[in-house]
Amino acid sequence: MESNLDLIKNFVEWWKERIYTSTLIIYKLISDQDIKSKQKYYRSFINCMKNSYKNIYTTATEDVRMLLNIKKLKNESN
């Protein structure tokens, strides 16, 4: 699994000028308006950040950082 993630990461790094990713589409695919689902979603990040394996908690931390940046940008645009 880690080698697959490394492969995807390298692909994106090499071709990032040519790749367009709509974060809104990704957000809509993973978001659910149900409050319990949102709580489970955020709880999963917290659990990953508590994990003892560095590659798990660093990835979760990076994801949370990106989510907070998106939230900040949304608040600034309103």
Protein backbone atom coordinates (compact mmCIF):
# COMPACT_ATOMS: atom_id res chain seq x y z
CA MET A 1 0.00 0.00 0.00
CA GLU A 2 2.78 2.41 0.85
CA SER A 3 4.48 1.81 -2.50
CA ASN A 4 1.18 2.61 -4.25
CA LEU A 5 0.93 5.87 -2.35
CA ASP A 6 4.54 6.69 -3.20
CA LEU A 7 3.83 5.98 -6.86
CA ILE A 8 0.82 8.30 -6.84
CA LYS A 9 2.78 10.97 -4.97
CA ASN A 10 5.65 10.82 -7.47
CA PHE A 11 3.26 10.93 -10.41
CA VAL A 12 1.55 14.02 -9.05
CA GLU A 13 4.87 15.72 -8.26
CA TRP A 14 6.18 15.10 -11.77
CA TRP A 15 2.99 16.15 -13.57
CA LYS A 16 1.58 18.77 -11.19
CA GLU A 17 1.68 21.51 -13.83
CA ARG A 18 -0.60 19.46 -16.06
CA ILE A 19 -3.00 18.09 -13.45
CA TYR A 20 -6.08 20.02 -12.41
CA THR A 21 -7.82 18.76 -9.29
CA SER A 22 -11.16 20.21 -8.38
CA THR A 23 -11.17 20.22 -4.61
CA LEU A 24 -14.88 20.95 -4.63
CA ILE A 25 -15.60 17.68 -6.44
CA ILE A 26 -13.40 15.74 -4.02
CA TYR A 27 -15.02 17.45 -1.06
CA LYS A 28 -18.52 16.64 -2.33
CA LEU A 29 -17.55 13.02 -2.84
CA ILE A 30 -16.24 12.55 0.68
CA SER A 31 -18.55 14.86 2.58
CA ASP A 32 -21.85 13.87 4.03
CA GLN A 33 -24.37 16.27 5.50
CA ASP A 34 -25.17 13.85 8.31
CA ILE A 35 -23.71 15.18 11.58
CA LYS A 36 -22.79 11.70 12.84
CA SER A 37 -20.89 11.01 9.63
CA LYS A 38 -18.98 14.28 9.99
CA GLN A 39 -18.12 13.42 13.57
CA LYS A 40 -16.87 9.98 12.53
CA TYR A 41 -14.85 11.59 9.72
CA TYR A 42 -13.12 14.03 12.10
CA ARG A 43 -12.71 11.36 14.78
CA SER A 44 -10.85 9.18 12.28
CA PHE A 45 -8.32 11.99 11.75
CA ILE A 46 -7.86 12.40 15.49
CA ASN A 47 -7.34 8.66 15.92
CA CYS A 48 -4.75 8.66 13.14
CA MET A 49 -2.96 11.60 14.76
CA LYS A 50 -2.76 9.59 18.01
CA ASN A 51 -1.22 6.63 16.19
CA SER A 52 2.32 5.62 17.18
CA TYR A 53 3.49 5.10 13.58
CA LYS A 54 5.10 8.22 12.15
CA ASN A 55 3.90 7.71 8.57
CA ILE A 56 0.29 7.53 9.78
CA TYR A 57 0.23 10.52 12.12
CA THR A 58 2.24 12.75 9.77
CA THR A 59 -0.13 12.02 6.90
CA ALA A 60 -3.15 12.72 9.10
CA THR A 61 -1.56 15.95 10.28
CA GLU A 62 -0.94 17.08 6.69
CA ASP A 63 -4.55 16.29 5.79
CA VAL A 64 -5.88 18.25 8.76
CA ARG A 65 -3.63 21.18 7.82
CA MET A 66 -5.05 21.17 4.28
CA LEU A 67 -8.63 20.96 5.58
CA LEU A 68 -8.03 23.90 7.91
CA ASN A 69 -6.54 25.92 5.04
CA ILE A 70 -9.60 25.20 2.91
CA LYS A 71 -11.88 26.21 5.77
CA LYS A 72 -9.88 29.41 6.26
CA LEU A 73 -10.11 30.27 2.56
CA LYS A 74 -13.87 29.68 2.60
CA ASN A 75 -14.27 32.01 5.58
CA GLU A 76 -12.14 34.70 3.92
CA SER A 77 -14.19 34.56 0.73
CA ASN A 78 -17.50 35.04 2.60
